[in-house]
Protein backbone atom coordinates (compact mmCIF):
# COMPACT_ATOMS: atom_id res chain seq x y z
CA MET A 1 275.21 190.81 179.98
CA GLN A 2 277.10 188.90 182.71
CA ALA A 3 275.47 186.10 184.44
CA THR A 4 275.61 185.84 188.13
CA GLY A 5 275.29 182.21 188.49
CA ARG A 6 272.44 182.14 190.67
CA ARG A 7 269.45 179.82 189.82
CA PRO A 8 266.06 181.43 190.59
CA ARG A 9 264.03 180.04 193.67
CA ARG A 10 261.06 178.00 192.86
CA ALA A 11 257.86 179.06 194.58
CA THR A 12 257.39 176.53 197.46
CA PRO A 13 253.87 175.53 198.33
CA SER A 14 252.07 177.12 201.28
CA ALA A 15 252.46 175.00 204.21
CA THR A 16 248.97 175.78 205.40
CA VAL A 17 246.48 173.19 204.26
CA PRO A 18 242.91 174.38 203.51
CA GLU A 19 240.22 173.38 206.09
CA THR A 20 237.72 170.90 205.02
CA PRO A 21 234.29 172.22 205.40
CA ARG A 22 232.47 170.81 208.42
CA SER A 23 229.45 168.70 207.38
CA GLU A 24 226.33 170.10 208.57
CA SER A 25 225.31 166.81 210.15
CA THR A 26 228.31 166.84 212.30
CA PRO A 27 227.06 168.15 215.79
CA ARG A 28 228.68 171.18 217.54
CA PRO A 29 229.87 170.70 220.91
CA ASP A 30 227.50 172.08 223.40
CA ARG A 31 229.33 174.73 225.47
CA ARG A 32 226.50 175.44 227.96
CA PRO A 33 227.40 174.69 231.38
CA ARG A 34 225.74 171.51 232.92
CA GLY A 35 222.62 172.15 234.80
CA SER A 36 222.13 175.50 233.24
CA GLY A 37 218.63 174.15 231.87
CA TRP A 38 217.24 174.25 235.45
CA TRP A 39 218.36 177.88 236.10
CA PRO A 40 215.32 179.78 234.54
CA TYR A 41 213.12 177.65 236.30
CA LEU A 42 214.72 178.37 239.67
CA LEU A 43 214.42 181.84 238.91
CA ILE A 44 210.72 181.99 238.51
CA ALA A 45 210.04 179.40 241.28
CA PRO A 46 209.50 181.99 243.96
CA THR A 47 207.08 183.90 241.93
CA VAL A 48 205.26 180.75 240.69
CA LEU A 49 205.12 179.37 244.33
CA GLY A 50 203.90 182.81 245.59
CA ALA A 51 201.02 183.11 242.94
CA ALA A 52 200.06 179.51 244.05
CA ALA A 53 200.05 180.31 247.62
CA LEU A 54 197.73 183.71 247.00
CA LEU A 55 195.46 182.13 244.44
CA LEU A 56 195.35 178.15 244.72
CA VAL A 57 195.32 178.04 248.60
CA PRO A 58 192.24 180.34 248.92
CA LEU A 59 190.58 178.75 245.80
CA LEU A 60 190.82 175.18 247.38
CA ARG A 61 189.58 176.49 250.78
CA GLY A 62 186.62 178.10 249.19
CA VAL A 63 185.86 174.68 247.60
CA LEU A 64 186.18 172.85 250.84
CA ILE A 65 184.01 175.12 252.60
CA SER A 66 181.34 175.10 249.99
CA LEU A 67 181.11 171.24 250.60
CA GLN A 68 180.79 171.76 254.46
CA ASP A 69 177.85 172.66 256.73
CA PHE A 70 180.02 175.90 257.56
CA GLN A 71 178.21 178.68 259.58
CA LEU A 72 179.31 180.56 262.68
CA ARG A 73 179.54 177.91 265.09
CA GLU A 74 181.97 175.89 262.91
CA LEU A 75 184.13 179.12 262.29
CA ILE A 76 184.61 179.31 265.77
CA ASN A 77 184.85 175.81 267.25
CA GLY A 78 185.84 174.00 263.93
CA GLY A 79 184.73 170.53 263.25
CA ALA A 80 182.46 171.45 260.00
CA PRO A 81 180.55 168.33 258.72
CA PHE A 82 180.78 167.26 255.01
CA VAL A 83 177.47 167.68 253.24
CA GLY A 84 178.46 167.20 249.74
CA LEU A 85 176.65 169.30 247.28
CA ASP A 86 173.79 170.02 249.57
CA ASN A 87 174.95 173.71 249.64
CA TYR A 88 174.72 173.81 245.84
CA THR A 89 171.41 172.26 245.63
CA GLU A 90 170.02 174.74 248.10
CA LEU A 91 171.63 177.66 246.21
CA LEU A 92 170.22 176.48 242.79
CA GLY A 93 166.76 175.85 244.08
CA ASP A 94 166.49 179.66 245.35
CA SER A 95 164.68 182.02 243.25
CA LEU A 96 166.36 184.75 244.63
CA PHE A 97 169.75 183.57 243.32
CA TRP A 98 168.62 182.91 239.69
CA GLU A 99 167.30 186.91 240.14
CA VAL A 100 170.88 187.68 241.16
CA VAL A 101 172.13 185.71 238.26
CA ARG A 102 169.84 187.67 235.77
CA ARG A 103 170.91 190.81 237.04
CA THR A 104 174.69 189.88 237.03
CA PHE A 105 174.52 188.90 233.34
CA LEU A 106 172.37 192.18 232.63
CA PHE A 107 174.83 194.45 234.48
CA MET A 108 177.56 192.66 232.61
CA ALA A 109 176.10 192.95 229.21
CA LEU A 110 175.77 196.78 229.66
CA ASN A 111 179.06 197.39 231.12
CA VAL A 112 180.78 195.71 228.21
CA VAL A 113 178.80 197.02 225.46
CA LEU A 114 179.17 200.52 226.52
CA ILE A 115 183.11 200.02 227.27
CA MET A 116 183.79 198.34 224.04
CA VAL A 117 182.00 200.76 221.96
CA LEU A 118 183.18 203.87 223.64
CA SER A 119 186.83 202.74 224.04
CA THR A 120 186.76 201.95 220.28
CA LEU A 121 185.67 205.65 219.77
CA VAL A 122 188.01 207.04 221.77
CA ALA A 123 190.94 204.93 220.22
CA LEU A 124 190.07 206.09 217.01
CA LEU A 125 189.95 209.76 218.10
CA VAL A 126 193.29 209.65 219.73
CA GLU A 127 194.59 208.23 216.41
CA ARG A 128 193.46 211.19 214.35
CA LEU A 129 194.73 213.85 216.74
CA GLY A 130 197.86 215.62 216.56
CA ARG A 131 201.09 215.24 218.73
CA PHE A 132 199.51 217.53 221.34
CA GLY A 133 196.19 216.50 221.53
CA ARG A 134 197.14 212.90 221.65
CA THR A 135 199.55 213.62 224.74
CA MET A 136 196.67 215.39 226.28
CA VAL A 137 194.18 212.86 225.67
CA LEU A 138 196.27 209.68 226.55
CA SER A 139 197.61 211.57 229.97
CA GLY A 140 194.00 212.15 231.05
CA LEU A 141 193.24 208.32 230.35
CA VAL A 142 196.18 207.39 232.38
CA LEU A 143 195.30 209.58 235.19
CA ALA A 144 191.85 208.22 235.29
CA TRP A 145 193.10 204.70 235.28
CA GLY A 146 195.47 205.20 238.00
CA MET A 147 192.84 206.64 240.39
CA PRO A 148 192.16 204.18 243.32
CA VAL A 149 188.77 202.55 243.04
CA ILE A 150 187.93 203.76 246.83
CA ALA A 151 188.83 207.24 245.66
CA ALA A 152 186.75 207.13 242.48
CA THR A 153 183.79 205.68 243.95
CA THR A 154 183.92 208.29 246.74
CA VAL A 155 183.81 210.88 244.36
CA PHE A 156 180.94 209.44 242.48
CA GLN A 157 179.06 209.36 245.75
CA TRP A 158 179.74 213.23 246.34
CA MET A 159 178.84 214.08 242.86
CA PHE A 160 175.22 212.25 243.36
CA HIS A 161 174.53 213.34 246.82
CA SER A 162 171.09 214.31 247.40
CA GLU A 163 171.66 217.84 249.05
CA TYR A 164 175.25 218.70 248.34
CA GLY A 165 175.96 216.84 245.01
CA VAL A 166 177.03 218.78 241.92
CA VAL A 167 174.64 216.57 239.59
CA ASN A 168 171.60 217.87 241.48
CA TRP A 169 172.99 221.27 241.48
CA SER A 170 173.42 221.33 237.75
CA LEU A 171 170.12 219.88 236.73
CA THR A 172 168.06 222.40 239.03
CA SER A 173 170.32 225.25 237.56
CA LEU A 174 169.14 224.15 234.02
CA GLY A 175 165.39 224.35 235.10
CA PHE A 176 164.82 220.61 236.09
CA ASP A 177 163.33 221.67 239.61
CA SER A 178 162.28 217.94 240.05
CA PHE A 179 166.03 216.76 240.96
CA ASP A 180 166.09 219.18 243.66
CA ARG A 181 167.43 216.65 246.46
CA TYR A 182 166.60 213.86 244.71
CA PRO A 183 167.89 210.67 246.27
CA TRP A 184 169.77 208.88 243.66
CA PHE A 185 171.19 205.94 245.83
CA ALA A 186 167.41 205.35 247.24
CA ASN A 187 166.07 204.52 243.67
CA GLY A 188 166.92 201.16 242.46
CA PRO A 189 167.09 201.82 238.56
CA ALA A 190 169.10 205.25 239.31
CA ALA A 191 171.48 203.53 241.63
CA PHE A 192 172.12 200.66 239.10
CA ALA A 193 172.72 203.14 236.15
CA ILE A 194 175.14 205.09 238.25
CA VAL A 195 177.00 202.09 239.15
CA VAL A 196 177.18 201.24 235.75
CA PHE A 197 178.29 204.81 234.87
CA LEU A 198 181.11 204.35 237.52
CA VAL A 199 182.39 200.92 236.19
CA VAL A 200 182.27 202.24 232.72
CA TRP A 201 184.37 205.31 233.43
CA GLN A 202 186.86 203.22 235.33
CA SER A 203 187.58 200.76 232.55
CA ILE A 204 187.51 202.79 229.40
CA PRO A 205 191.22 203.93 229.80
CA PHE A 206 192.56 200.55 229.95
CA ALA A 207 190.42 199.18 226.90
CA ALA A 208 191.03 202.48 224.83
CA ILE A 209 194.94 202.84 225.25
CA THR A 210 194.92 199.00 224.47
CA LEU A 211 193.11 199.41 221.34
CA TYR A 212 195.02 202.57 220.29
CA ALA A 213 198.33 200.60 220.50
CA GLY A 214 196.82 198.00 218.20
CA LEU A 215 195.78 200.93 215.80
CA THR A 216 199.17 202.03 215.51
CA THR A 217 200.18 198.85 214.16
CA VAL A 218 197.73 198.96 210.89
CA PRO A 219 199.52 200.24 208.04
CA ARG A 220 198.40 203.52 206.77
CA GLU A 221 198.73 202.49 203.21
CA LEU A 222 195.68 200.24 203.51
CA HIS A 223 193.45 202.85 204.73
CA GLU A 224 194.68 205.40 201.83
CA ALA A 225 193.94 202.41 199.22
CA ALA A 226 190.56 202.10 200.70
CA ARG A 227 189.93 205.66 200.49
CA LEU A 228 190.94 205.77 196.84
CA ASP A 229 188.68 203.01 196.33
CA GLY A 230 185.67 205.08 197.71
CA ALA A 231 185.33 203.38 201.06
CA GLY A 232 183.68 205.32 203.80
CA PRO A 233 185.20 205.19 207.34
CA TRP A 234 182.80 202.59 208.67
CA GLN A 235 183.63 200.25 205.71
CA ALA A 236 187.44 201.03 206.40
CA PHE A 237 186.88 199.78 209.78
CA ARG A 238 184.92 196.80 208.81
CA THR A 239 186.98 195.40 206.45
CA ILE A 240 190.57 196.44 207.35
CA THR A 241 190.86 197.64 211.06
CA TYR A 242 188.73 195.10 212.65
CA PRO A 243 190.03 191.90 210.86
CA MET A 244 193.76 193.10 211.60
CA LEU A 245 192.95 193.82 215.36
CA ARG A 246 190.43 191.01 215.92
CA PRO A 247 192.80 189.08 218.59
CA ILE A 248 193.24 192.36 220.45
CA PHE A 249 189.36 193.02 220.23
CA LEU A 250 188.78 189.48 221.82
CA LEU A 251 191.42 189.91 224.43
CA VAL A 252 190.02 193.43 225.63
CA LEU A 253 186.36 191.99 225.62
CA CYS A 254 187.16 188.78 227.35
CA LEU A 255 189.06 190.66 230.26
CA GLU A 256 186.18 193.41 230.45
CA VAL A 257 183.79 190.44 230.84
CA ILE A 258 185.89 189.18 233.71
CA TRP A 259 186.36 192.40 235.48
CA THR A 260 182.75 193.61 235.12
CA PHE A 261 181.57 190.20 236.13
CA ARG A 262 183.43 190.20 239.35
CA ALA A 263 182.60 194.10 240.37
CA PHE A 264 182.22 194.10 244.08
CA VAL A 265 184.08 197.17 245.53
CA GLN A 266 182.08 199.97 243.58
CA ILE A 267 178.84 198.27 244.37
CA TRP A 268 179.49 197.55 248.10
CA VAL A 269 180.89 201.07 248.92
CA ILE A 270 178.02 202.94 247.21
CA THR A 271 174.89 200.97 247.95
CA GLN A 272 175.84 197.30 249.36
CA GLY A 273 173.54 195.97 246.95
CA GLY A 274 170.59 198.17 247.65
CA PRO A 275 168.30 199.74 247.57
CA GLY A 276 166.85 196.19 248.25
CA ASP A 277 168.41 194.22 245.48
CA ALA A 278 168.53 196.48 242.83
CA THR A 279 172.40 196.50 242.46
CA THR A 280 173.14 193.25 244.08
CA ILE A 281 175.19 190.81 241.59
CA LEU A 282 176.80 187.44 242.37
CA PRO A 283 179.88 188.69 244.19
CA VAL A 284 177.97 191.06 246.36
CA TYR A 285 175.30 188.33 246.83
CA ALA A 286 178.05 185.90 248.01
CA VAL A 287 179.34 188.33 250.76
CA GLN A 288 175.85 189.30 251.70
CA THR A 289 174.97 185.45 252.24
CA ALA A 290 178.31 184.87 254.30
CA LEU A 291 178.21 187.89 256.48
CA SER A 292 174.43 189.00 257.04
CA GLN A 293 173.15 185.47 257.26
CA GLN A 294 176.39 183.69 258.52
CA ARG A 295 175.99 181.08 255.93
CA TYR A 296 179.79 181.01 254.83
CA ASP A 297 178.97 177.45 253.11
CA LEU A 298 176.55 179.06 250.79
CA GLY A 299 178.54 182.07 250.42
CA SER A 300 181.63 180.04 249.31
CA ALA A 301 179.17 178.01 247.06
CA ALA A 302 177.97 181.20 245.45
CA SER A 303 181.65 182.38 244.69
CA MET A 304 182.81 179.09 243.35
CA ILE A 305 179.80 179.43 240.83
CA THR A 306 180.91 182.99 239.99
CA VAL A 307 184.48 181.25 239.24
CA LEU A 308 183.08 178.54 236.92
CA LEU A 309 181.32 181.01 234.94
CA MET A 310 184.47 183.30 234.45
CA SER A 311 186.51 180.16 233.72
CA THR A 312 183.98 179.43 230.80
CA VAL A 313 184.73 182.94 229.48
CA LEU A 314 188.45 182.01 229.54
CA VAL A 315 187.92 178.76 227.86
CA VAL A 316 186.09 180.04 225.02
CA TYR A 317 188.93 182.98 224.62
CA PHE A 318 191.72 180.48 224.56
CA ARG A 319 189.74 178.15 222.27
CA GLN A 320 189.33 180.99 219.71
CA LEU A 321 192.85 182.08 220.20
CA TYR A 322 193.97 178.58 219.38
CA ARG A 323 191.78 178.49 216.23
CA GLN A 324 193.11 181.93 214.84
CA GLU A 325 196.74 180.58 215.53
CA ALA A 326 195.80 177.39 213.62
CA GLU A 327 194.53 179.44 210.61
CA LEU A 328 197.91 181.31 210.32
């Protein structure tokens, strides 16, 4: 074999030097542009300022009027004198005010209990329906929820009309002749029950849809395991569904307490607090005092007490929420 005389080339080491791993403690350069930390706040500033103008300014104005002697003369001429807490003292010393407070809490309790019970049953029913039935029920709930308050209140007025109402016609057709031209809105307990019925009907859709959305997050395996262990529907709801959805139940409960506590439009359109004072609750009492008696100072004081009571509900809710977060 003839040698070529060439010596084999040695493999030269690669010129690339392996990159040393960067220490985790080495800070990475911040590539965000300067001033970007303020940009989100600038974006939400118009909304925050608008909400403050629409909420805080009337609230502060109401507090100021409640501390003044503000009647029709001061409304026209201005220069209302400062009287401190005299309006609150006069209001809290009025027996009619405490009767209105008791009626307000009764109205709130009836509405909230009926709303929570019926909306829970509706949510459980929707969960067990098929696709078509679920779609129909949810569509009906959304349509009822989207109906304007004035429109729904007017429909209820027509339904319970003494001469042309469908309720009286249906009852007399079934043989209850005592309801022929029955004046529902002239009877205190009947008018109170109609207003409760109306508020419950308007509030169930939101609560039911919210609770149904929470039910969809509960794993079905837990219910199947409970069913295999012999647990009934009530036991499964009490031991599985409710503990997992307790924050949602608490949220809906607090919202319904606030919304029913400040119900005004339904009562004012139907009865304006009558007959007598049978349907007068705190918001209606505040408007009646301000408009009928032209005591805007007492009306503002009643409104501030209503805001204080509703704020107490929010404080209780947030305390419970923080306690649950601390347990997690």
